[in-house]
Amino acid sequence: MQQANADEIRRDRSQLSLALWYARRGFPVFPVNPWNKRPYCLHGFHDATCDEAIIETWWRRWLAALVGIPTGPRSGYWVLDVDGEAGSASLEEILAALGIQRLEGLTAVIVRTPSGGLHLYFRCGPGEEVRTRASDIAPGIDTRGLGGYIIAAGNRRPDGRSYDLIGTAAEISEASFAPRDLVFLGTFNRREREQIVSQPKLRSRMCDATPSEWPGIMRAYRDAEAERLQAQRPPSSPDALRRQALHDLHEAADEYASRLDGRRNGLFTVACRIARYPAHGVISEHEFRSALLQAACSNGAVASHGDAWFNDTLRRALAYGARDALPPVARRFILESAA
């Protein structure tokens, strides 16, 4: 926090005062472990609140907890997380591509992290769906949007290192909207961006639309493509679909098990790819859970993050899968069933 807007915090340097400062300005907050940046509360950033009684209870229990803020629609802000030399080099390339010479020309809200990285804040535009992804835009640059959270400016760790505003803004509420091209990079993942660029009609529709219309256009395009591909395939049997589901499940489980760092965010991504199968009864929820639990145990994720984290991640993935249509059955599984 910078000077004129941090009087309350300066009078009381506790983390609780910072949490209340944000909550009173409409930012939902939740407590985060200062050493590993994992949420203390059971449901993570989903538990974020402006209720002062709950906030005081949390920070009486975890005095040194950092103040986390969910990104995306919950707070109304999204963040570029720039880390290390790779992130700095990537940021220079992004600024050049946008025709911006100085970082302050991109955003006034710039936060220096304890590791020397940067958090660049932007206001969410109406209907925008910037998502949380790791190193998807460029090496060393993560996006924190829908489905993520950020350690707020003004936080101080127990070792005295802090998250300091270094831009021209006095607080994060002064963030402006991001350039359209940057919103595009944050809305779609690398594969989707390549798809848009390679399809002239789709690219033209995106150019003519507002960012709030982009996700709907992409969903309609995917649905049309799925129908087209399905029409080209011979009829499939339930056995073929189940065979494909089990193949995809074991492939996803093997992929996650190979991540020996047991990355916390990786499980949700992998589980969402498969969750539509158990959500629609193609395979059982037990099969789904067992395969991913074995993977999460083998790479140390359950030992690091706990059973509650694992169960909550799969619960959210299943809810996601219930909204997702089943994929078309690949020809190889249809032919296997016919053999």
Protein backbone atom coordinates (compact mmCIF):
# COMPACT_ATOMS: atom_id res chain seq x y z
CA MET A 1 0.00 0.00 0.00
CA GLN A 2 1.24 3.47 -0.77
CA GLN A 3 1.13 6.41 1.57
CA ALA A 4 -2.11 8.39 1.43
CA ASN A 5 -4.33 5.33 1.13
CA ALA A 6 -2.66 3.19 3.79
CA ASP A 7 -3.13 5.22 6.99
CA GLU A 8 -5.34 2.57 8.56
CA ILE A 9 -2.84 -0.16 7.78
CA ARG A 10 0.14 1.84 9.00
CA ARG A 11 -1.53 2.38 12.36
CA ASP A 12 -1.98 -1.36 12.72
CA ARG A 13 0.53 -3.46 10.77
CA SER A 14 -1.29 -6.73 11.41
CA GLN A 15 -2.46 -8.89 8.55
CA LEU A 16 -5.96 -8.71 10.01
CA SER A 17 -6.03 -4.96 9.46
CA LEU A 18 -5.10 -5.49 5.82
CA ALA A 19 -7.82 -8.12 5.37
CA LEU A 20 -10.43 -5.80 6.89
CA TRP A 21 -9.17 -2.87 4.79
CA TYR A 22 -9.86 -4.84 1.62
CA ALA A 23 -13.17 -6.28 2.83
CA ARG A 24 -14.51 -2.83 3.70
CA ARG A 25 -13.81 -1.80 0.11
CA GLY A 26 -15.78 -4.70 -1.32
CA PHE A 27 -12.97 -7.19 -1.97
CA PRO A 28 -13.76 -10.71 -0.69
CA VAL A 29 -10.72 -12.11 1.13
CA PHE A 30 -9.47 -15.40 2.58
CA PRO A 31 -6.35 -16.51 4.53
CA VAL A 32 -3.30 -17.92 2.75
CA ASN A 33 -0.27 -19.74 4.15
CA PRO A 34 2.63 -17.23 3.90
CA TRP A 35 5.21 -19.88 2.99
CA ASN A 36 3.52 -22.00 0.33
CA LYS A 37 0.70 -19.61 -0.71
CA ARG A 38 -1.95 -22.30 -0.24
CA PRO A 39 -5.32 -21.34 1.27
CA TYR A 40 -5.90 -22.21 4.91
CA CYS A 41 -9.68 -22.49 4.57
CA LEU A 42 -11.28 -25.71 3.37
CA HIS A 43 -12.61 -24.52 0.00
CA GLY A 44 -9.82 -22.10 -0.80
CA PHE A 45 -10.76 -18.92 -2.62
CA HIS A 46 -14.36 -20.15 -2.86
CA ASP A 47 -14.64 -19.29 0.86
CA ALA A 48 -13.57 -15.66 0.31
CA THR A 49 -15.86 -13.20 2.09
CA CYS A 50 -16.35 -9.59 3.17
CA ASP A 51 -17.96 -10.71 6.46
CA GLU A 52 -15.82 -9.09 9.14
CA ALA A 53 -16.78 -11.60 11.84
CA ILE A 54 -15.54 -14.50 9.71
CA ILE A 55 -12.41 -12.59 8.74
CA GLU A 56 -11.56 -11.85 12.37
CA THR A 57 -12.08 -15.50 13.29
CA TRP A 58 -9.70 -16.59 10.53
CA TRP A 59 -6.93 -14.16 11.41
CA ARG A 60 -7.19 -14.86 15.13
CA ARG A 61 -6.44 -18.46 14.22
CA TRP A 62 -3.76 -17.70 11.59
CA LEU A 63 -2.17 -14.41 12.67
CA ALA A 64 0.48 -14.33 9.93
CA ALA A 65 -1.82 -15.45 7.10
CA LEU A 66 -1.49 -13.52 3.88
CA VAL A 67 -4.60 -11.89 2.43
CA GLY A 68 -5.78 -13.63 -0.70
CA ILE A 69 -8.31 -12.19 -3.16
CA PRO A 70 -10.12 -14.29 -5.79
CA THR A 71 -9.53 -13.03 -9.31
CA GLY A 72 -12.12 -12.77 -12.05
CA PRO A 73 -15.80 -11.89 -11.51
CA ARG A 74 -15.67 -12.33 -7.71
CA SER A 75 -13.39 -9.31 -7.29
CA GLY A 76 -13.74 -7.67 -10.70
CA TYR A 77 -9.99 -7.83 -11.44
CA TRP A 78 -7.58 -10.11 -13.24
CA VAL A 79 -3.78 -10.20 -13.03
CA LEU A 80 -0.71 -10.95 -15.14
CA ASP A 81 1.79 -12.75 -12.89
CA VAL A 82 5.30 -12.15 -14.25
CA ASP A 83 8.00 -14.37 -12.75
CA GLY A 84 11.76 -14.51 -13.23
CA GLU A 85 13.97 -13.63 -16.17
CA ALA A 86 11.80 -15.62 -18.58
CA GLY A 87 8.74 -13.68 -17.49
CA SER A 88 10.53 -10.34 -17.82
CA ALA A 89 11.67 -11.19 -21.34
CA SER A 90 8.17 -12.32 -22.29
CA LEU A 91 6.69 -9.12 -20.87
CA GLU A 92 9.03 -7.05 -23.04
CA GLU A 93 7.79 -8.94 -26.10
CA ILE A 94 4.16 -8.39 -25.12
CA LEU A 95 4.70 -4.66 -24.65
CA ALA A 96 6.39 -4.45 -28.04
CA ALA A 97 3.55 -6.35 -29.72
CA LEU A 98 1.01 -4.00 -28.12
CA GLY A 99 3.01 -0.94 -29.17
CA ILE A 100 3.55 0.15 -25.56
CA GLN A 101 6.95 1.53 -24.63
CA ARG A 102 6.75 1.69 -20.84
CA LEU A 103 5.15 -0.70 -18.36
CA GLU A 104 3.14 2.15 -16.82
CA GLY A 105 1.49 2.55 -20.23
CA LEU A 106 -0.02 -0.91 -19.82
CA THR A 107 -1.30 -0.54 -16.26
CA ALA A 108 -0.92 1.84 -13.33
CA VAL A 109 -1.29 -0.98 -10.79
CA ILE A 110 2.05 -2.77 -10.56
CA VAL A 111 2.98 -4.86 -7.52
CA ARG A 112 6.51 -6.08 -6.76
CA THR A 113 6.41 -9.54 -5.16
CA PRO A 114 8.89 -10.86 -2.54
CA SER A 115 10.58 -12.99 -5.21
CA GLY A 116 11.15 -9.96 -7.43
CA GLY A 117 8.32 -10.77 -9.82
CA LEU A 118 5.45 -8.50 -10.82
CA HIS A 119 1.67 -8.58 -10.52
CA LEU A 120 -0.03 -6.40 -13.13
CA TYR A 121 -3.68 -5.69 -12.29
CA PHE A 122 -6.50 -5.05 -14.77
CA ARG A 123 -10.19 -4.42 -14.33
CA CYS A 124 -12.51 -7.11 -15.73
CA GLY A 125 -14.68 -5.83 -18.56
CA PRO A 126 -18.39 -6.78 -18.69
CA GLY A 127 -18.74 -10.44 -19.65
CA GLU A 128 -15.01 -11.02 -20.12
CA GLU A 129 -13.74 -14.51 -19.24
CA VAL A 130 -10.01 -14.15 -18.67
CA ARG A 131 -8.98 -17.42 -17.06
CA THR A 132 -6.27 -18.71 -14.75
CA ARG A 133 -3.49 -20.46 -16.66
CA ALA A 134 0.23 -21.08 -16.17
CA SER A 135 2.77 -19.94 -18.79
CA ASP A 136 0.17 -20.14 -21.55
CA ILE A 137 0.53 -16.62 -22.92
CA ALA A 138 4.32 -16.83 -22.79
CA PRO A 139 7.10 -18.41 -20.69
CA GLY A 140 7.16 -17.07 -17.14
CA ILE A 141 3.79 -15.34 -17.39
CA ASP A 142 0.67 -16.71 -15.69
CA THR A 143 -2.84 -15.29 -15.87
CA ARG A 144 -4.91 -15.07 -12.71
CA GLY A 145 -8.56 -14.68 -13.59
CA LEU A 146 -11.60 -16.92 -13.46
CA GLY A 147 -10.76 -19.90 -11.25
CA GLY A 148 -7.80 -18.34 -9.45
CA TYR A 149 -6.61 -15.92 -6.79
CA ILE A 150 -3.80 -13.48 -6.02
CA ILE A 151 -1.87 -12.41 -2.93
CA ALA A 152 -3.05 -8.83 -2.46
CA ALA A 153 -0.87 -5.73 -2.52
CA GLY A 154 0.21 -4.64 0.97
CA ASN A 155 0.78 -8.14 2.33
CA ARG A 156 3.83 -8.68 4.53
CA ARG A 157 5.33 -12.09 5.16
CA PRO A 158 6.69 -13.12 8.58
CA ASP A 159 10.23 -12.59 7.25
CA GLY A 160 9.42 -8.93 6.51
CA ARG A 161 9.32 -9.27 2.72
CA SER A 162 6.21 -7.75 1.19
CA TYR A 163 4.00 -7.21 -1.85
CA ASP A 164 4.56 -3.54 -2.66
CA LEU A 165 2.79 -1.23 -5.06
CA ILE A 166 5.43 0.35 -7.30
CA GLY A 167 3.27 1.75 -10.10
CA THR A 168 1.60 5.13 -10.29
CA ALA A 169 -1.63 3.92 -8.65
CA ALA A 170 -2.19 4.21 -4.91
CA GLU A 171 -4.37 1.09 -4.66
CA ILE A 172 -5.56 -1.74 -6.89
CA SER A 173 -9.03 -0.25 -7.37
CA GLU A 174 -7.37 2.26 -9.72
CA ALA A 175 -6.65 -0.47 -12.29
CA SER A 176 -7.90 0.16 -15.82
CA PHE A 177 -9.17 -2.23 -18.48
CA ALA A 178 -6.58 -4.23 -20.41
CA PRO A 179 -5.96 -3.71 -24.14
CA ARG A 180 -8.23 -5.83 -26.33
CA ASP A 181 -5.32 -7.92 -27.67
CA LEU A 182 -4.19 -8.75 -24.13
CA VAL A 183 -7.72 -9.74 -23.13
CA PHE A 184 -7.74 -12.07 -26.14
CA LEU A 185 -4.53 -13.75 -24.96
CA GLY A 186 -6.01 -14.23 -21.49
CA THR A 187 -9.40 -15.49 -22.68
CA PHE A 188 -8.26 -18.36 -24.90
CA ASN A 189 -5.60 -20.97 -24.34
CA ARG A 190 -2.80 -21.56 -26.81
CA ARG A 191 -4.66 -24.27 -28.74
CA GLU A 192 -7.78 -22.14 -29.06
CA ARG A 193 -5.80 -19.12 -30.22
CA GLU A 194 -4.11 -21.20 -32.92
CA GLN A 195 -7.50 -22.52 -33.97
CA ILE A 196 -8.96 -19.02 -34.27
CA VAL A 197 -6.01 -17.76 -36.32
CA SER A 198 -6.18 -20.75 -38.68
CA GLN A 199 -9.93 -20.48 -39.38
CA PRO A 200 -10.72 -17.34 -41.44
CA LYS A 201 -14.46 -17.31 -40.70
CA LEU A 202 -13.92 -17.83 -36.98
CA ARG A 203 -11.19 -15.20 -36.93
CA SER A 204 -13.47 -12.72 -38.71
CA ARG A 205 -16.27 -13.28 -36.22
CA MET A 206 -13.91 -12.72 -33.31
CA CYS A 207 -12.61 -9.49 -34.87
CA ASP A 208 -16.14 -8.13 -35.24
CA ALA A 209 -17.28 -9.19 -31.74
CA THR A 210 -16.76 -7.68 -28.31
CA PRO A 211 -14.66 -9.61 -25.74
CA SER A 212 -17.85 -10.50 -23.86
CA GLU A 213 -19.08 -12.32 -27.00
CA TRP A 214 -15.88 -14.28 -27.62
CA PRO A 215 -16.51 -17.26 -25.30
CA GLY A 216 -20.00 -17.80 -26.74
CA ILE A 217 -18.65 -17.71 -30.30
CA MET A 218 -15.99 -20.25 -29.40
CA ARG A 219 -18.50 -22.56 -27.72
CA ALA A 220 -20.79 -22.41 -30.76
CA TYR A 221 -17.85 -23.16 -33.04
CA ARG A 222 -16.82 -26.20 -30.96
CA ASP A 223 -20.39 -27.52 -30.90
CA ALA A 224 -20.68 -27.16 -34.69
CA GLU A 225 -17.35 -28.91 -35.18
CA ALA A 226 -18.40 -31.76 -32.90
CA GLU A 227 -21.64 -32.22 -34.85
CA ARG A 228 -19.75 -32.18 -38.15
CA LEU A 229 -17.25 -34.78 -36.96
CA GLN A 230 -19.98 -36.93 -35.45
CA ALA A 231 -21.82 -36.97 -38.77
CA GLN A 232 -18.70 -38.32 -40.47
CA ARG A 233 -18.31 -41.22 -38.04
CA PRO A 234 -20.08 -44.56 -38.28
CA PRO A 235 -22.57 -45.30 -35.50
CA SER A 236 -20.94 -46.24 -32.22
CA SER A 237 -21.98 -48.54 -29.41
CA PRO A 238 -21.98 -47.91 -25.64
CA ASP A 239 -19.08 -50.35 -25.43
CA ALA A 240 -17.03 -48.18 -27.79
CA LEU A 241 -17.68 -45.07 -25.75
CA ARG A 242 -16.80 -46.84 -22.50
CA ARG A 243 -13.60 -48.20 -24.06
CA GLN A 244 -12.64 -44.69 -25.09
CA ALA A 245 -13.52 -43.30 -21.64
CA LEU A 246 -11.30 -45.84 -19.86
CA HIS A 247 -8.47 -45.18 -22.29
CA ASP A 248 -8.73 -41.43 -21.74
CA LEU A 249 -8.96 -41.88 -17.96
CA HIS A 250 -5.82 -44.00 -17.72
CA GLU A 251 -3.95 -41.71 -20.08
CA ALA A 252 -4.89 -38.67 -17.96
CA ALA A 253 -3.98 -40.46 -14.73
CA ASP A 254 -0.58 -41.45 -16.12
CA GLU A 255 0.01 -37.86 -17.24
CA TYR A 256 -0.74 -36.47 -13.79
CA ALA A 257 1.29 -39.17 -12.02
CA SER A 258 4.31 -38.15 -14.11
CA ARG A 259 4.20 -34.64 -12.58
CA LEU A 260 6.47 -35.51 -9.71
CA ASP A 261 6.08 -32.06 -8.16
CA GLY A 262 2.42 -32.91 -7.48
CA ARG A 263 1.26 -29.54 -8.74
CA ARG A 264 -1.89 -28.38 -6.99
CA ASN A 265 -3.58 -26.78 -9.99
CA GLY A 266 -2.73 -29.60 -12.38
CA LEU A 267 -5.19 -32.11 -10.95
CA PHE A 268 -8.23 -29.96 -11.70
CA THR A 269 -7.14 -29.48 -15.32
CA VAL A 270 -6.61 -33.20 -15.85
CA ALA A 271 -9.81 -34.20 -14.02
CA CYS A 272 -11.94 -31.79 -16.06
CA ARG A 273 -10.85 -33.51 -19.27
CA ILE A 274 -12.30 -36.79 -18.03
CA ALA A 275 -15.14 -35.69 -15.73
CA ARG A 276 -17.81 -35.70 -18.44
CA TYR A 277 -17.55 -39.51 -18.64
CA PRO A 278 -18.52 -40.25 -15.00
CA ALA A 279 -20.87 -37.25 -14.96
CA HIS A 280 -22.85 -38.88 -17.80
CA GLY A 281 -22.58 -42.43 -16.45
CA VAL A 282 -20.17 -43.82 -19.08
CA ILE A 283 -17.76 -44.90 -16.35
CA SER A 284 -18.41 -44.98 -12.63
CA GLU A 285 -17.42 -42.23 -10.25
CA HIS A 286 -15.48 -44.87 -8.33
CA GLU A 287 -13.36 -45.69 -11.40
CA PHE A 288 -12.76 -41.99 -11.96
CA ARG A 289 -11.73 -41.33 -8.36
CA SER A 290 -9.62 -44.47 -7.98
CA ALA A 291 -7.47 -43.82 -11.05
CA LEU A 292 -6.80 -40.19 -10.16
CA LEU A 293 -6.27 -40.95 -6.46
CA GLN A 294 -3.58 -43.48 -7.35
CA ALA A 295 -1.91 -40.86 -9.56
CA ALA A 296 -2.15 -38.15 -6.88
CA CYS A 297 -0.67 -40.49 -4.28
CA SER A 298 2.19 -41.61 -6.52
CA ASN A 299 3.37 -38.06 -7.31
CA GLY A 300 3.02 -36.87 -3.70
CA ALA A 301 0.10 -34.48 -4.29
CA VAL A 302 -2.19 -36.02 -1.64
CA ALA A 303 0.63 -36.05 0.90
CA SER A 304 1.31 -32.36 0.19
CA HIS A 305 -2.22 -31.03 -0.12
CA GLY A 306 -4.42 -33.49 1.77
CA ASP A 307 -7.50 -35.63 1.18
CA ALA A 308 -9.88 -32.68 1.52
CA TRP A 309 -8.12 -30.88 -1.34
CA PHE A 310 -8.30 -34.01 -3.52
CA ASN A 311 -12.00 -34.61 -2.84
CA ASP A 312 -12.91 -30.95 -3.37
CA THR A 313 -10.98 -30.85 -6.66
CA LEU A 314 -12.79 -33.89 -8.02
CA ARG A 315 -16.15 -32.57 -6.81
CA ARG A 316 -15.61 -29.35 -8.76
CA ALA A 317 -14.40 -31.27 -11.81
CA LEU A 318 -17.52 -33.47 -11.79
CA ALA A 319 -19.74 -30.39 -11.60
CA TYR A 320 -17.83 -29.01 -14.58
CA GLY A 321 -18.20 -32.30 -16.46
CA ALA A 322 -21.97 -32.37 -15.97
CA ARG A 323 -22.17 -29.20 -18.10
CA ASP A 324 -19.91 -30.62 -20.81
CA ALA A 325 -21.19 -32.77 -23.68
CA LEU A 326 -19.73 -36.21 -24.28
CA PRO A 327 -17.07 -36.26 -27.01
CA PRO A 328 -17.51 -38.12 -30.28
CA VAL A 329 -16.13 -41.65 -30.25
CA ALA A 330 -12.88 -42.06 -32.14
CA ARG A 331 -12.96 -44.44 -35.09
CA ARG A 332 -10.40 -46.78 -33.52
CA PHE A 333 -12.75 -47.59 -30.59
CA ILE A 334 -15.72 -48.07 -32.91
CA LEU A 335 -13.77 -50.52 -35.05
CA GLU A 336 -12.59 -52.38 -31.95
CA SER A 337 -16.21 -52.82 -30.86
CA ALA A 338 -17.23 -54.05 -34.30
CA ALA A 339 -14.38 -56.58 -34.48
